[in-house]
Amino acid sequence: MKNCIQCDKHIIINDPDPGDWFCDDDMAVVCSLAPNPNINPVSTHMSERHEFKSIAVAIRPYNMEKEALIPDWCPLK
């Protein structure tokens, strides 16, 4: 695998930028095998409120594979 999009354990979520209407279609990639140790239930960013750890956040939809690189903490490494 070259990125997390190729792994069946990734989840793509909406992650719009609340302060920039141009980025209201931003996405984030999270790992369903890694719980988020820093959940912030009051954050305006969906990736910070998600139950799973973020791999890449605030991604333009056409850059998913380019930006969802395998992190050092990947549970499958």
N, C-alpha and C. Protein backbone atom coordinates (compact mmCIF):
# COMPACT_ATOMS: atom_id res chain seq x y z
N MET A 1 0.83 -1.19 0.00
CA MET A 1 0.00 0.00 0.00
C MET A 1 0.88 1.25 0.00
N LYS A 2 0.39 2.24 -0.71
CA LYS A 2 1.11 3.50 -0.77
C LYS A 2 0.44 4.60 0.05
N ASN A 3 -0.84 4.42 0.33
CA ASN A 3 -1.56 5.40 1.14
C ASN A 3 -2.75 4.71 1.83
N CYS A 4 -3.37 5.43 2.72
CA CYS A 4 -4.46 4.85 3.52
C CYS A 4 -5.75 4.64 2.72
N ILE A 5 -5.90 5.30 1.62
CA ILE A 5 -7.09 5.12 0.79
C ILE A 5 -7.13 3.69 0.25
N GLN A 6 -5.99 3.07 0.08
CA GLN A 6 -5.91 1.70 -0.42
C GLN A 6 -6.22 0.67 0.66
N CYS A 7 -6.30 1.08 1.91
CA CYS A 7 -6.60 0.19 3.03
C CYS A 7 -8.11 0.17 3.28
N ASP A 8 -8.64 -1.01 3.55
CA ASP A 8 -10.09 -1.09 3.78
C ASP A 8 -10.50 -0.65 5.18
N LYS A 9 -9.57 -0.23 5.99
CA LYS A 9 -9.86 0.24 7.36
C LYS A 9 -10.01 1.76 7.44
N HIS A 10 -9.84 2.47 6.34
CA HIS A 10 -9.99 3.92 6.37
C HIS A 10 -11.46 4.30 6.27
N ILE A 11 -11.77 5.48 6.76
CA ILE A 11 -13.11 6.07 6.64
C ILE A 11 -12.91 7.50 6.17
N ILE A 12 -13.69 7.90 5.19
CA ILE A 12 -13.64 9.28 4.71
C ILE A 12 -14.83 10.01 5.31
N ILE A 13 -14.56 11.15 5.95
CA ILE A 13 -15.62 11.95 6.57
C ILE A 13 -15.59 13.36 6.01
N ASN A 14 -16.69 14.05 6.13
CA ASN A 14 -16.74 15.47 5.79
C ASN A 14 -15.96 16.24 6.84
N ASP A 15 -15.17 17.19 6.42
CA ASP A 15 -14.36 18.00 7.34
C ASP A 15 -14.31 19.44 6.83
N PRO A 16 -15.49 20.07 6.69
CA PRO A 16 -15.52 21.42 6.13
C PRO A 16 -14.81 22.43 7.03
N ASP A 17 -14.26 23.45 6.40
CA ASP A 17 -13.63 24.54 7.12
C ASP A 17 -14.74 25.53 7.50
N PRO A 18 -15.04 25.67 8.78
CA PRO A 18 -16.15 26.54 9.17
C PRO A 18 -15.90 28.02 8.89
N GLY A 19 -14.64 28.39 8.67
CA GLY A 19 -14.32 29.80 8.44
C GLY A 19 -14.07 30.15 6.98
N ASP A 20 -14.25 29.18 6.08
CA ASP A 20 -13.95 29.43 4.68
C ASP A 20 -14.96 28.70 3.81
N TRP A 21 -15.91 29.41 3.25
CA TRP A 21 -16.97 28.77 2.46
C TRP A 21 -16.42 28.03 1.26
N PHE A 22 -15.27 28.45 0.74
CA PHE A 22 -14.68 27.78 -0.41
C PHE A 22 -14.26 26.35 -0.08
N CYS A 23 -13.97 26.10 1.18
CA CYS A 23 -13.50 24.77 1.60
C CYS A 23 -14.59 23.98 2.33
N ASP A 24 -15.85 24.26 2.01
CA ASP A 24 -16.93 23.56 2.68
C ASP A 24 -17.10 22.11 2.20
N ASP A 25 -16.31 21.71 1.18
CA ASP A 25 -16.35 20.32 0.73
C ASP A 25 -15.08 19.55 1.13
N ASP A 26 -14.28 20.13 2.03
CA ASP A 26 -13.09 19.42 2.51
C ASP A 26 -13.48 18.11 3.16
N MET A 27 -12.55 17.15 3.09
CA MET A 27 -12.77 15.83 3.66
C MET A 27 -11.61 15.51 4.61
N ALA A 28 -11.79 14.46 5.39
CA ALA A 28 -10.72 13.94 6.26
C ALA A 28 -10.73 12.43 6.14
N VAL A 29 -9.57 11.83 6.40
CA VAL A 29 -9.44 10.38 6.40
C VAL A 29 -9.08 9.98 7.82
N VAL A 30 -9.85 9.04 8.37
CA VAL A 30 -9.59 8.53 9.72
C VAL A 30 -9.39 7.02 9.65
N CYS A 31 -8.72 6.50 10.67
CA CYS A 31 -8.43 5.07 10.73
C CYS A 31 -9.37 4.38 11.70
N SER A 32 -10.14 3.42 11.23
CA SER A 32 -11.11 2.73 12.08
C SER A 32 -10.46 1.78 13.09
N LEU A 33 -9.15 1.62 13.00
CA LEU A 33 -8.43 0.76 13.96
C LEU A 33 -7.77 1.55 15.08
N ALA A 34 -7.80 2.87 15.00
CA ALA A 34 -7.11 3.71 15.97
C ALA A 34 -8.08 4.69 16.63
N PRO A 35 -8.37 4.50 17.91
CA PRO A 35 -9.23 5.45 18.61
C PRO A 35 -8.56 6.83 18.69
N ASN A 36 -9.36 7.86 18.66
CA ASN A 36 -8.85 9.23 18.76
C ASN A 36 -8.59 9.56 20.23
N PRO A 37 -7.33 9.73 20.61
CA PRO A 37 -7.02 10.03 22.01
C PRO A 37 -7.29 11.48 22.39
N ASN A 38 -7.56 12.32 21.40
CA ASN A 38 -7.74 13.76 21.64
C ASN A 38 -9.09 14.27 21.15
N ILE A 39 -10.15 13.51 21.37
CA ILE A 39 -11.47 13.95 20.92
C ILE A 39 -11.81 15.28 21.58
N ASN A 40 -12.27 16.21 20.75
CA ASN A 40 -12.69 17.52 21.23
C ASN A 40 -14.15 17.72 20.81
N PRO A 41 -15.09 17.42 21.70
CA PRO A 41 -16.51 17.47 21.33
C PRO A 41 -17.04 18.86 20.98
N VAL A 42 -16.29 19.89 21.29
CA VAL A 42 -16.76 21.25 20.99
C VAL A 42 -16.02 21.87 19.80
N SER A 43 -15.14 21.12 19.17
CA SER A 43 -14.40 21.63 18.02
C SER A 43 -15.35 21.90 16.86
N THR A 44 -15.00 22.87 16.05
CA THR A 44 -15.78 23.16 14.84
C THR A 44 -15.34 22.29 13.68
N HIS A 45 -14.28 21.51 13.87
CA HIS A 45 -13.76 20.61 12.83
C HIS A 45 -14.20 19.18 13.12
N MET A 46 -14.88 18.58 12.17
CA MET A 46 -15.41 17.22 12.37
C MET A 46 -14.30 16.21 12.66
N SER A 47 -13.15 16.37 12.06
CA SER A 47 -12.05 15.43 12.29
C SER A 47 -11.60 15.43 13.75
N GLU A 48 -11.71 16.54 14.44
CA GLU A 48 -11.32 16.61 15.85
C GLU A 48 -12.40 16.05 16.77
N ARG A 49 -13.61 15.92 16.27
CA ARG A 49 -14.72 15.38 17.06
C ARG A 49 -14.95 13.89 16.80
N HIS A 50 -14.26 13.34 15.81
CA HIS A 50 -14.50 11.95 15.41
C HIS A 50 -13.91 10.97 16.42
N GLU A 51 -14.53 9.81 16.54
CA GLU A 51 -14.07 8.79 17.49
C GLU A 51 -12.77 8.11 17.07
N PHE A 52 -12.43 8.20 15.77
CA PHE A 52 -11.21 7.57 15.28
C PHE A 52 -10.15 8.62 14.95
N LYS A 53 -8.92 8.20 15.05
CA LYS A 53 -7.77 9.08 14.85
C LYS A 53 -7.66 9.53 13.39
N SER A 54 -7.33 10.78 13.20
CA SER A 54 -7.19 11.36 11.87
C SER A 54 -5.87 10.99 11.22
N ILE A 55 -5.95 10.66 9.96
CA ILE A 55 -4.76 10.41 9.15
C ILE A 55 -4.40 11.68 8.39
N ALA A 56 -5.41 12.30 7.80
CA ALA A 56 -5.24 13.54 7.06
C ALA A 56 -6.53 14.34 7.18
N VAL A 57 -6.40 15.64 7.36
CA VAL A 57 -7.57 16.50 7.55
C VAL A 57 -7.57 17.64 6.55
N ALA A 58 -8.73 18.25 6.40
CA ALA A 58 -8.90 19.42 5.52
C ALA A 58 -8.37 19.14 4.11
N ILE A 59 -8.74 17.99 3.56
CA ILE A 59 -8.27 17.58 2.24
C ILE A 59 -9.29 17.98 1.18
N ARG A 60 -8.78 18.56 0.11
CA ARG A 60 -9.63 18.80 -1.05
C ARG A 60 -9.96 17.42 -1.63
N PRO A 61 -11.19 17.18 -2.07
CA PRO A 61 -11.60 15.85 -2.54
C PRO A 61 -10.70 15.24 -3.62
N TYR A 62 -10.17 16.05 -4.48
CA TYR A 62 -9.33 15.54 -5.56
C TYR A 62 -7.89 15.22 -5.11
N ASN A 63 -7.56 15.50 -3.84
CA ASN A 63 -6.22 15.21 -3.32
C ASN A 63 -6.20 14.06 -2.31
N MET A 64 -7.26 13.29 -2.22
CA MET A 64 -7.35 12.23 -1.22
C MET A 64 -6.14 11.30 -1.20
N GLU A 65 -5.87 10.67 -2.32
CA GLU A 65 -4.78 9.69 -2.34
C GLU A 65 -3.42 10.35 -2.14
N LYS A 66 -3.26 11.54 -2.62
CA LYS A 66 -1.99 12.26 -2.49
C LYS A 66 -1.68 12.62 -1.04
N GLU A 67 -2.71 12.95 -0.25
CA GLU A 67 -2.49 13.46 1.10
C GLU A 67 -2.72 12.43 2.21
N ALA A 68 -3.37 11.33 1.92
CA ALA A 68 -3.65 10.33 2.95
C ALA A 68 -2.51 9.32 3.05
N LEU A 69 -1.33 9.83 3.35
CA LEU A 69 -0.14 8.98 3.45
C LEU A 69 -0.18 8.14 4.72
N ILE A 70 0.43 7.00 4.67
CA ILE A 70 0.43 6.08 5.82
C ILE A 70 1.24 6.71 6.96
N PRO A 71 0.62 6.92 8.12
CA PRO A 71 1.32 7.56 9.24
C PRO A 71 2.25 6.57 9.96
N ASP A 72 3.19 7.11 10.72
CA ASP A 72 4.10 6.26 11.49
C ASP A 72 3.37 5.39 12.51
N TRP A 73 2.23 5.87 13.00
CA TRP A 73 1.50 5.14 14.04
C TRP A 73 0.52 4.10 13.46
N CYS A 74 0.56 3.84 12.19
CA CYS A 74 -0.37 2.89 11.56
C CYS A 74 -0.39 1.56 12.32
N PRO A 75 -1.56 1.10 12.75
CA PRO A 75 -1.65 -0.16 13.49
C PRO A 75 -1.34 -1.40 12.65
N LEU A 76 -1.30 -1.27 11.34
CA LEU A 76 -1.01 -2.41 10.48
C LEU A 76 0.47 -2.52 10.08
N LYS A 77 1.28 -1.57 10.52
CA LYS A 77 2.71 -1.63 10.17
C LYS A 77 3.39 -2.73 10.93
